[in-house]
Protein backbone atom coordinates (compact mmCIF):
# COMPACT_ATOMS: atom_id res chain seq x y z
CA MET A 1 -16.03 8.13 -16.76
CA ALA A 2 -14.91 6.73 -20.12
CA PHE A 3 -14.84 10.19 -21.73
CA CYS A 4 -11.73 10.99 -19.65
CA TRP A 5 -9.49 8.50 -21.37
CA PRO A 6 -9.37 9.72 -24.99
CA ALA A 7 -7.90 12.96 -23.67
CA LEU A 8 -5.06 10.93 -22.20
CA GLN A 9 -4.47 8.84 -25.30
CA THR A 10 -2.90 11.63 -27.34
CA PRO A 11 -0.84 10.68 -30.42
CA ALA A 12 1.20 13.90 -30.23
CA SER A 13 4.40 12.28 -28.98
CA ALA A 14 6.34 9.05 -28.75
CA GLN A 15 6.10 8.99 -24.98
CA PRO A 16 4.54 5.94 -23.27
CA HIS A 17 0.84 5.77 -22.43
CA THR A 18 -0.87 3.18 -20.25
CA LEU A 19 -4.51 2.27 -19.76
CA GLY A 20 -5.90 -0.37 -17.44
CA ALA A 21 -9.28 -1.59 -16.24
CA GLU A 22 -10.34 -4.16 -13.67
CA LEU A 23 -13.79 -5.56 -12.97
CA TRP A 24 -14.33 -7.47 -9.72
CA GLY A 25 -17.43 -9.36 -8.71
CA GLN A 26 -18.46 -11.31 -5.61
CA VAL A 27 -21.51 -13.42 -4.86
CA GLU A 28 -23.08 -13.60 -1.37
CA PRO A 29 -22.88 -10.80 -0.47
CA ASN A 30 -23.27 -9.33 -3.94
CA VAL A 31 -20.49 -6.80 -4.48
CA GLY A 32 -19.17 -5.28 -7.69
CA LEU A 33 -16.10 -3.12 -8.21
CA LEU A 34 -14.74 -1.40 -11.32
CA VAL A 35 -11.27 0.19 -11.33
CA LEU A 36 -9.99 2.34 -14.20
CA GLU A 37 -6.44 3.65 -14.31
CA GLY A 38 -4.36 5.37 -16.91
CA SER A 39 -1.35 7.60 -17.43
CA SER A 40 -0.06 9.57 -20.38
CA ARG A 41 2.78 11.90 -21.35
CA LYS A 42 1.93 14.47 -23.98
CA TYR A 43 5.51 15.70 -23.75
CA PRO A 44 8.51 14.49 -21.69
CA TYR A 45 7.67 17.17 -19.11
CA VAL A 46 3.89 16.65 -18.83
CA ASP A 47 2.32 13.61 -17.15
CA ALA A 48 -1.34 12.79 -16.58
CA GLU A 49 -2.59 10.00 -14.34
CA GLY A 50 -6.01 8.76 -13.29
CA LEU A 51 -7.42 6.05 -11.04
CA VAL A 52 -11.21 5.81 -10.83
CA TRP A 53 -13.29 3.12 -9.18
CA ALA A 54 -17.00 2.38 -9.14
CA GLY A 55 -18.65 -0.02 -6.72
CA ALA A 56 -22.13 -1.46 -6.32
CA GLY A 57 -23.55 -3.20 -3.28
CA THR A 58 -20.44 -2.40 -1.25
CA PRO A 59 -21.26 -3.16 2.42
CA GLN A 60 -18.37 -1.02 3.69
CA LEU A 61 -20.02 2.04 2.13
CA GLY A 62 -23.52 1.06 3.26
CA LEU A 63 -24.74 0.39 -0.28
CA ARG A 64 -27.45 -2.06 -1.26
CA ASP A 65 -27.26 -4.40 -4.25
CA ASN A 66 -28.99 -1.87 -6.52
CA GLN A 67 -26.87 1.12 -5.45
CA MET A 68 -23.66 2.31 -7.05
CA THR A 69 -20.98 4.87 -6.23
CA VAL A 70 -18.15 6.31 -8.33
CA GLU A 71 -15.00 7.82 -6.83
CA ALA A 72 -11.85 9.32 -8.37
CA LEU A 73 -8.98 8.14 -6.18
CA VAL A 74 -6.22 9.73 -8.26
CA LEU A 75 -6.60 12.33 -11.00
CA THR A 76 -3.46 14.42 -11.49
CA VAL A 77 -1.41 16.42 -13.95
CA LYS A 78 2.33 16.69 -13.27
CA LEU A 79 4.49 19.39 -14.87
CA ARG A 80 8.28 18.95 -14.90
CA ASP A 81 10.94 21.46 -15.78
CA PRO A 82 12.98 20.10 -18.74
CA LYS A 83 16.19 20.69 -16.76
CA GLY A 84 14.83 18.91 -13.68
CA ILE A 85 14.92 22.04 -11.50
CA SER A 86 11.28 21.81 -10.43
CA ASP A 87 8.07 19.88 -10.82
CA THR A 88 4.47 20.53 -9.81
CA ARG A 89 1.62 18.09 -9.25
CA LEU A 90 -2.01 19.27 -9.34
CA GLY A 91 -5.26 17.38 -8.76
CA ARG A 92 -6.28 14.55 -6.44
CA PHE A 93 -3.45 12.40 -5.10
CA ILE A 94 -1.88 10.80 -2.04
CA LEU A 95 0.49 13.26 -0.39
CA ALA A 96 3.41 11.44 1.23
CA THR A 97 6.67 13.28 1.81
CA GLY A 98 9.22 13.31 4.60
CA ALA A 99 7.83 12.86 8.09
CA VAL A 100 4.40 14.30 7.18
CA ARG A 101 1.54 11.85 7.61
CA ALA A 102 0.17 10.49 4.34
CA MET A 103 -3.02 12.27 3.27
CA HIS A 104 -5.52 12.02 0.42
CA VAL A 105 -5.96 15.58 -0.88
CA ASP A 106 -7.36 17.74 -3.67
CA GLY A 107 -4.59 20.27 -4.14
CA GLY A 108 -1.03 20.79 -5.26
CA HIS A 109 2.56 19.82 -4.45
CA ALA A 110 5.56 21.73 -5.84
CA ILE A 111 9.29 20.93 -5.57
CA LEU A 112 12.20 23.28 -6.30
CA ARG A 113 15.73 21.80 -6.53
CA ALA A 114 18.78 24.00 -5.93
CA PRO A 115 22.25 23.22 -7.35
CA SER A 116 23.46 22.68 -3.77
CA LYS A 117 21.15 19.62 -3.59
CA THR A 118 18.78 21.54 -1.33
CA ASN A 119 15.12 20.81 -2.12
CA PHE A 120 12.20 23.06 -1.20
CA GLU A 121 8.67 21.62 -1.15
CA ILE A 122 5.33 23.32 -0.58
CA PHE A 123 1.94 21.61 -0.60
CA GLY A 124 -1.65 22.35 0.25
CA GLY A 125 -5.24 21.58 -0.55
CA VAL A 126 -8.49 20.15 0.75
CA PRO A 127 -8.43 16.73 2.47
CA VAL A 128 -10.61 14.16 0.72
CA GLU A 129 -13.50 12.87 2.82
CA GLY A 130 -16.13 10.24 2.04
CA ASP A 131 -18.79 12.97 1.97
CA ALA A 132 -17.74 15.96 -0.14
CA GLU A 133 -20.32 18.22 1.52
CA GLY A 134 -19.13 20.66 4.17
CA ARG A 135 -15.54 20.88 2.89
CA ARG A 136 -15.53 24.67 2.51
CA TYR A 137 -13.64 25.23 5.75
CA ASP A 138 -11.41 22.14 5.51
CA TRP A 139 -7.87 22.72 4.27
CA MET A 140 -4.24 21.85 4.93
CA ALA A 141 -0.89 23.38 4.02
CA GLY A 142 2.75 22.70 4.74
CA GLY A 143 6.25 22.31 3.42
CA ARG A 144 9.52 20.44 3.59
CA ILE A 145 13.20 21.35 3.22
CA SER A 146 15.74 18.61 2.54
CA GLN A 147 19.47 18.58 1.99
CA GLY A 148 21.31 15.96 -0.01
CA LEU A 149 24.46 14.62 1.61
CA GLY A 150 26.20 13.52 -1.55
CA LYS A 151 26.24 9.76 -1.90
CA LEU A 152 25.64 9.31 1.84
CA GLY A 153 21.94 10.17 2.02
CA VAL A 154 19.36 12.90 2.70
CA LEU A 155 18.33 14.97 5.74
CA GLY A 156 14.95 16.72 5.80
CA GLY A 157 12.54 18.68 7.98
CA SER A 158 8.78 19.08 7.41
CA TYR A 159 5.75 20.90 8.80
CA TYR A 160 2.03 20.89 8.09
CA ASN A 161 -1.15 22.44 9.49
CA ARG A 162 -4.71 21.23 8.96
CA TYR A 163 -8.05 22.89 9.64
CA ASN A 164 -11.30 20.94 9.97
CA ALA A 165 -14.58 22.89 9.80
CA GLY A 166 -12.60 26.08 10.31
CA GLN A 167 -10.88 24.83 13.46
CA ARG A 168 -7.23 23.81 13.71
CA SER A 169 -7.31 20.02 14.09
CA ASP A 170 -3.78 18.82 13.25
CA GLU A 171 -0.35 20.40 13.30
CA GLU A 172 2.89 18.45 13.09
CA VAL A 173 6.60 19.08 12.72
CA GLY A 174 8.99 16.29 11.76
CA VAL A 175 12.52 15.29 10.79
CA ASP A 176 13.60 12.47 8.47
CA PHE A 177 16.90 11.14 7.22
CA SER A 178 18.37 8.28 5.22
CA LEU A 179 22.03 7.33 5.38
CA ARG A 180 24.16 4.81 3.50
CA ALA A 181 26.99 4.41 5.99
CA ALA A 182 28.72 1.72 3.91
CA HIS A 183 28.01 -0.31 0.80
CA TRP A 184 26.57 -3.01 3.06
CA LEU A 185 24.84 -0.81 5.68
CA ASP A 186 21.76 1.46 5.34
CA MET A 187 19.98 3.49 8.02
CA ALA A 188 16.76 5.51 7.90
CA ALA A 189 14.50 7.20 10.42
CA LYS A 190 11.72 9.74 10.76
CA PHE A 191 10.32 11.52 13.80
CA SER A 192 7.18 13.68 14.03
CA TRP A 193 5.68 15.68 16.90
CA GLU A 194 2.03 16.69 17.31
CA ILE A 195 1.61 20.37 18.28
CA VAL A 196 -2.17 20.74 18.75
CA ASN A 197 -2.24 17.90 21.27
CA PRO A 198 1.45 17.91 22.27
CA GLY A 199 2.98 14.49 22.06
CA LEU A 200 4.80 11.98 19.90
CA ALA A 201 3.03 11.37 16.59
CA GLU A 202 5.33 8.79 15.01
CA VAL A 203 8.84 7.36 15.17
CA ILE A 204 10.18 4.88 12.62
CA ALA A 205 13.80 3.72 12.55
CA THR A 206 15.49 0.96 10.54
CA ILE A 207 19.01 -0.39 10.15
CA SER A 208 19.56 -2.90 7.36
CA SER A 209 22.54 -4.79 6.02
CA SER A 210 23.01 -7.16 3.11
CA THR A 211 25.74 -9.10 1.38
CA GLU A 212 27.00 -7.91 -1.98
CA SER A 213 25.24 -10.78 -3.74
CA GLY A 214 21.93 -10.01 -1.99
CA LYS A 215 21.55 -13.60 -0.83
CA LEU A 216 21.49 -12.58 2.83
CA ARG A 217 19.79 -9.48 4.21
CA GLY A 218 18.97 -8.47 7.79
CA GLU A 219 17.07 -5.57 9.32
CA LEU A 220 16.46 -4.13 12.78
CA PHE A 221 13.44 -1.85 13.21
CA ALA A 222 11.47 0.12 15.78
CA THR A 223 8.12 1.91 15.36
CA LYS A 224 5.90 3.96 17.62
CA ARG A 225 2.63 5.57 16.53
CA SER A 226 -0.02 7.54 18.37
CA PRO A 227 -3.73 6.62 17.96
CA THR A 228 -4.42 9.77 15.92
CA ARG A 229 -1.63 8.85 13.51
CA MET A 230 -3.01 5.33 13.04
CA LEU A 231 -6.64 6.37 12.54
CA GLN A 232 -6.57 9.37 10.24
CA GLN A 233 -9.62 11.44 9.37
CA THR A 234 -9.57 10.52 5.68
CA SER A 235 -12.23 7.98 4.80
CA LEU A 236 -10.66 6.21 1.83
CA PHE A 237 -7.16 5.67 3.12
CA THR A 238 -7.24 4.63 6.78
CA VAL A 239 -4.16 2.93 8.15
CA LEU A 240 -5.13 -0.25 9.95
CA GLY A 241 -3.31 -1.34 13.08
CA ASP A 242 -3.38 -1.38 16.84
CA PRO A 243 -3.58 2.20 18.20
CA GLY A 244 -0.62 3.38 20.22
CA THR A 245 1.52 0.35 19.45
CA LEU A 246 5.27 0.26 20.12
CA ARG A 247 6.97 -2.41 18.06
CA THR A 248 10.64 -3.33 17.85
CA GLY A 249 12.40 -6.33 16.37
CA GLY A 250 14.24 -7.67 13.38
CA ASN A 251 13.91 -9.77 10.26
CA LEU A 252 16.22 -11.90 8.14
CA PHE A 253 16.07 -12.92 4.47
CA TRP A 254 18.18 -15.77 3.10
CA ARG A 255 18.31 -17.05 -0.47
CA ALA A 256 19.43 -20.55 0.41
CA ALA A 257 19.36 -21.74 -3.20
CA PRO A 258 18.54 -20.19 -6.59
CA ARG A 259 14.91 -21.30 -6.17
CA LEU A 260 14.57 -21.34 -2.37
CA ASP A 261 14.04 -18.31 -0.09
CA PHE A 262 13.54 -18.04 3.68
CA TRP A 263 12.18 -15.17 5.81
CA LEU A 264 12.28 -14.93 9.59
CA GLU A 265 10.90 -12.09 11.71
CA GLY A 266 10.39 -11.52 15.41
CA ALA A 267 9.22 -8.43 17.25
CA ALA A 268 8.25 -7.31 20.73
CA ALA A 269 5.09 -5.20 20.86
CA GLU A 270 3.36 -3.03 23.44
CA ALA A 271 -0.35 -2.30 23.21
CA GLN A 272 -2.71 -0.96 25.87
CA SER A 273 0.08 -1.08 28.50
CA THR A 274 0.69 -4.78 27.85
CA TRP A 275 3.79 -6.32 26.27
CA GLY A 276 3.81 -9.31 23.97
CA TRP A 277 5.47 -10.56 20.84
CA SER A 278 4.77 -11.64 17.28
CA GLY A 279 6.76 -13.36 14.57
CA TYR A 280 6.71 -15.59 11.53
CA PHE A 281 8.82 -18.00 9.51
CA ARG A 282 8.16 -18.24 5.77
CA SER A 283 9.69 -20.19 2.92
CA VAL A 284 9.11 -20.04 -0.83
CA LEU A 285 10.22 -22.70 -3.29
CA ARG A 286 10.06 -21.76 -6.98
CA THR A 287 9.37 -24.73 -9.23
CA ASP A 288 11.03 -23.23 -12.32
CA ASP A 289 13.80 -20.76 -13.12
CA GLU A 290 11.36 -18.05 -14.25
CA GLY A 291 9.35 -18.21 -11.03
CA ASN A 292 6.04 -18.96 -12.76
CA GLY A 293 5.31 -21.71 -10.25
CA SER A 294 5.93 -21.64 -6.52
CA ILE A 295 5.05 -23.22 -3.18
CA LEU A 296 4.81 -21.13 0.00
CA GLY A 297 4.71 -22.28 3.60
CA GLU A 298 4.37 -20.04 6.66
CA ILE A 299 3.91 -20.32 10.40
CA ARG A 300 2.95 -17.22 12.38
CA ARG A 301 2.52 -16.49 16.08
CA GLN A 302 1.01 -13.51 17.90
CA ALA A 303 0.92 -13.32 21.68
CA ILE A 304 -0.27 -9.93 22.95
CA SER A 305 -2.71 -10.39 25.81
CA SER A 306 -4.56 -7.10 25.30
CA VAL A 307 -5.03 -7.75 21.57
CA SER A 308 -5.03 -11.46 20.68
CA LYS A 309 -3.10 -14.67 21.11
CA TRP A 310 -3.07 -17.20 18.30
CA THR A 311 -0.95 -19.44 16.06
CA GLY A 312 -1.43 -19.55 12.30
CA LEU A 313 -0.38 -21.87 9.49
CA ARG A 314 -0.46 -21.02 5.79
CA ILE A 315 0.19 -23.03 2.64
CA ALA A 316 -0.16 -21.57 -0.85
CA ALA A 317 0.94 -22.48 -4.35
CA VAL A 318 0.98 -21.23 -7.92
CA ILE A 319 0.68 -24.20 -10.28
CA PRO A 320 1.24 -23.61 -14.03
CA VAL A 321 -1.37 -25.68 -15.86
CA TYR A 322 -0.67 -24.48 -19.39
CA GLU A 323 2.17 -22.39 -20.87
CA GLY A 324 1.75 -21.18 -24.46
CA HIS A 325 3.61 -18.66 -26.61
CA GLU A 326 1.06 -15.92 -25.91
CA ASP A 327 -1.04 -17.12 -22.99
CA SER A 328 -0.95 -19.19 -19.82
CA VAL A 329 -3.29 -20.83 -17.30
CA GLY A 330 -2.50 -21.16 -13.62
CA LEU A 331 -4.13 -22.77 -10.59
CA MET A 332 -3.69 -21.09 -7.19
CA PRO A 333 -4.79 -22.98 -4.07
CA GLU A 334 -4.31 -21.43 -0.63
CA VAL A 335 -5.18 -22.62 2.88
CA GLU A 336 -4.81 -20.84 6.22
CA VAL A 337 -5.59 -22.15 9.69
CA VAL A 338 -5.71 -20.03 12.85
CA ILE A 339 -5.63 -21.74 16.24
CA PRO A 340 -6.60 -19.32 19.05
CA ASP A 341 -5.20 -19.80 22.54
CA GLU A 342 -8.65 -19.32 24.06
CA ARG A 343 -11.07 -21.84 22.58
CA SER A 344 -14.70 -22.56 23.35
CA PRO A 345 -17.68 -24.32 21.71
CA GLU A 346 -19.17 -20.90 20.89
CA THR A 347 -16.14 -19.48 19.06
CA GLY A 348 -14.71 -22.74 17.74
CA LYS A 349 -11.35 -24.36 18.30
CA VAL A 350 -9.90 -23.77 14.82
CA TRP A 351 -10.63 -21.04 12.26
CA PRO A 352 -9.82 -22.29 8.74
CA TRP A 353 -9.84 -20.32 5.51
CA GLY A 354 -9.30 -21.63 1.99
CA ARG A 355 -9.42 -20.40 -1.59
CA LEU A 356 -9.03 -22.03 -4.99
CA ALA A 357 -8.47 -19.73 -7.97
CA LEU A 358 -8.03 -20.31 -11.70
CA ARG A 359 -6.30 -17.60 -13.76
CA TYR A 360 -5.90 -17.05 -17.51
CA GLN A 361 -3.35 -14.50 -18.79
CA HIS A 362 -2.68 -13.29 -22.34
CA ASP A 363 0.36 -11.36 -23.52
CA LYS A 364 -1.90 -8.69 -25.02
CA GLY A 365 -2.84 -7.58 -21.51
CA TRP A 366 -5.92 -9.64 -20.64
CA THR A 367 -6.33 -11.45 -17.32
CA VAL A 368 -9.41 -13.47 -16.35
CA ALA A 369 -9.70 -15.21 -12.99
CA ALA A 370 -12.37 -16.99 -10.95
CA ALA A 371 -12.19 -18.23 -7.38
CA ALA A 372 -14.19 -19.84 -4.62
CA GLU A 373 -13.36 -19.39 -0.95
CA ALA A 374 -14.72 -20.71 2.32
CA SER A 375 -13.96 -19.80 5.92
CA SER A 376 -15.03 -20.31 9.50
CA THR A 377 -14.41 -17.74 12.25
CA GLN A 378 -15.38 -17.08 15.85
CA GLU A 379 -18.43 -15.19 14.55
CA THR A 380 -19.47 -17.24 11.50
CA ARG A 381 -19.65 -21.00 11.42
CA LEU A 382 -19.40 -21.22 7.61
CA ASP A 383 -18.97 -18.52 4.98
CA VAL A 384 -18.73 -19.47 1.29
CA ARG A 385 -18.12 -16.93 -1.48
CA ALA A 386 -17.46 -16.87 -5.22
CA LEU A 387 -15.30 -14.21 -6.87
CA ALA A 388 -14.41 -13.23 -10.43
CA ARG A 389 -11.96 -10.74 -11.93
CA VAL A 390 -11.46 -9.43 -15.46
CA ALA A 391 -8.54 -7.07 -16.09
CA TYR A 392 -6.92 -5.39 -19.07
CA GLN A 393 -3.62 -3.50 -19.17
CA HIS A 394 -2.15 -1.87 -22.27
CA THR A 395 0.95 0.25 -22.89
CA TRP A 396 1.74 1.97 -26.17
CA ARG A 397 3.66 4.91 -27.59
CA GLY A 398 2.11 7.82 -29.41
CA LYS A 399 3.21 8.96 -32.83
CA LYS A 400 6.03 11.48 -33.06
């Protein structure tokens, strides 16, 4: 795939260009992963972006050690009107707008902005599947209209229709809004309704408030998703979670000191007609003003009978070992312990997990890291793995 990048690295303008590459490796099981990403602007109104990965011996894709697969996750060209009236995106990308469910598509997305702050969006294409064969009769199309409310927020309505193998499989209509009721109060919500199989697809609502200094911030939230919304038909971007879950609760952030932060969250959850709750308390202490070093502690509890009931503890740290003018070395230990409510000799009484990583970073964009991790679960008595990562990121400007 390397031949793609010189086309992006054009010297025709002084606009920024970026290029990045990451190589991941794991031993036992043997897994390799290569990620390439880049973006370029030939002119202020033309963007190009790419994200390509190649993997070998990936168990999730059913590959053996000697097999390899290459997949373009994102490969787009974006055209913008110099006056900002419209823009169009073409290629492979993640479509996420309004109340429409996020989808991985090969297609296009166009936006037209009216002086009245009314935006018109149309989109369509072919959903991306793990197997590209048999996509002739797969397609989706839809649109969104939104109205700006000055400095208060935005109100929008969206619709999309999807066909799978020539048959209508998904059709949704939705409404979304965001509102800044006061300088200290924000509200947002989106609601979508499934038409093919009539019923609620998704509801998300949040109310958040913060002090002017940002040292204290609180949020109340409620979410409800249907099983079809949680488990989409795209193979590369599946949302993980408990199908059909209703969740409502709140969280609180407090910067108690310049280097000390606290988070607290609690939520009631319903799954499979059973109610329960989950929550966590987390604290982070930064060991220097720049935040290069830190210590994290967390306690988490989940108690939903139909899903799982357990208590977890987590301790992690970032320890600066060496700080130079151009490079640095850091040590990152992390330990997690899960204590299930139901314990037995077969599943074990405690499930620990630990990792120790060493990272080297250079100002020129290089990052090299190696790690070893070990864990014990209800299914595996002992699992030990070694991992390595090499990454490079570079940003430059073309010649005028």
